[in-house]
Amino acid sequence: MSVNNVEQEIISIISDISGFDVEEITLETNLANELEIDSIKAIEIAVAIEKKYKISIRDEDIANIITVRNAVEAATNLIAQKAGA
C-alpha cells in the first residue's frame, strides 16, 4: 500500500466527515482551524481510519493530529507496525 494511496484515502475520509471538497484539502490543511473539525469529528475521522486500515489509534494520539499530514503519518506508521508484527 503506497503512502500516496493512504493520503488520498484519508483526504477522502476527512472530506466526507468535514463536508469540505477533496480539492480544498491538502496535507498542510489544519483540521481544526481550516476544516472546523471539533473533538467529536476528530474521533469520527480516527474511527473511520481505524476501520479502513484495521489499525488502532490511541485516544491520546488523536489530540496530536493537527494537520492532514499528521493523520497520514499516524496511519502509515501504524500500518507499518501492523505489517511488521
Protein backbone atom coordinates (compact mmCIF):
# COMPACT_ATOMS: atom_id res chain seq x y z
CA MET A 1 0.00 0.00 0.00
CA SER A 2 1.61 3.27 -1.10
CA VAL A 3 1.74 6.40 1.02
CA ASN A 4 0.07 8.31 -1.83
CA ASN A 5 -2.92 5.94 -1.72
CA VAL A 6 -3.16 6.38 2.04
CA GLU A 7 -3.00 10.17 1.60
CA GLN A 8 -5.83 10.18 -0.93
CA GLU A 9 -7.99 7.80 1.11
CA ILE A 10 -7.54 9.80 4.32
CA ILE A 11 -8.28 13.06 2.50
CA SER A 12 -11.46 11.40 1.19
CA ILE A 13 -12.44 10.31 4.72
CA ILE A 14 -11.80 13.82 6.07
CA SER A 15 -13.82 15.29 3.18
CA ASP A 16 -16.77 13.01 3.92
CA ILE A 17 -16.81 13.90 7.62
CA SER A 18 -15.99 17.60 7.33
CA GLY A 19 -18.20 18.38 4.34
CA PHE A 20 -15.33 20.14 2.56
CA ASP A 21 -14.45 19.15 -1.01
CA VAL A 22 -11.42 16.93 -1.57
CA GLU A 23 -9.90 19.70 -3.70
CA GLU A 24 -9.93 22.05 -0.68
CA ILE A 25 -7.91 19.67 1.49
CA THR A 26 -4.10 19.36 1.32
CA LEU A 27 -1.55 17.67 3.55
CA GLU A 28 -0.91 21.01 5.27
CA THR A 29 -4.59 21.72 5.98
CA ASN A 30 -5.21 22.37 9.68
CA LEU A 31 -8.14 20.21 10.75
CA ALA A 32 -9.50 22.49 13.48
CA ASN A 33 -8.74 25.93 12.05
CA GLU A 34 -9.43 25.34 8.36
CA LEU A 35 -11.95 22.48 8.35
CA GLU A 36 -13.76 23.25 11.61
CA ILE A 37 -13.06 19.74 12.94
CA ASP A 38 -14.03 19.57 16.61
CA SER A 39 -13.16 16.77 19.03
CA ILE A 40 -16.24 14.73 18.06
CA LYS A 41 -15.44 14.91 14.35
CA ALA A 42 -11.79 14.14 15.11
CA ILE A 43 -12.90 10.92 16.79
CA GLU A 44 -15.16 10.12 13.82
CA ILE A 45 -12.18 10.56 11.48
CA ALA A 46 -9.95 8.39 13.69
CA VAL A 47 -12.58 5.63 13.84
CA ALA A 48 -13.04 5.74 10.06
CA ILE A 49 -9.26 5.45 9.55
CA GLU A 50 -9.10 2.61 12.07
CA LYS A 51 -11.85 0.70 10.28
CA LYS A 52 -10.37 1.36 6.83
CA TYR A 53 -6.90 0.08 7.72
CA LYS A 54 -7.73 -2.25 10.62
CA ILE A 55 -5.44 -0.32 12.96
CA SER A 56 -5.94 1.23 16.40
CA ILE A 57 -5.17 4.89 17.07
CA ARG A 58 -4.75 5.59 20.78
CA ASP A 59 -7.15 8.20 22.15
CA GLU A 60 -4.28 10.33 23.45
CA ASP A 61 -2.74 10.37 19.95
CA ILE A 62 -5.89 11.84 18.39
CA ALA A 63 -5.17 15.18 20.10
CA ASN A 64 -1.76 15.29 18.36
CA ILE A 65 -3.31 15.12 14.90
CA ILE A 66 -3.35 18.78 13.89
CA THR A 67 -2.94 18.60 10.12
CA VAL A 68 -3.90 16.13 7.42
CA ARG A 69 -0.20 15.20 7.21
CA ASN A 70 -0.28 14.22 10.92
CA ALA A 71 -3.22 11.90 10.23
CA VAL A 72 -1.45 10.31 7.25
CA GLU A 73 1.78 9.85 9.21
CA ALA A 74 -0.04 8.31 12.17
CA ALA A 75 -1.90 5.89 9.91
CA THR A 76 1.14 4.90 7.84
CA ASN A 77 3.22 4.31 10.99
CA LEU A 78 0.52 2.08 12.46
CA ILE A 79 0.05 0.23 9.17
CA ALA A 80 3.82 -0.40 9.03
CA GLN A 81 3.84 -1.62 12.65
CA LYS A 82 0.95 -3.97 11.91
CA ALA A 83 2.70 -5.31 8.81
CA GLY A 84 5.87 -5.92 10.77
CA ALA A 85 4.12 -7.60 13.70
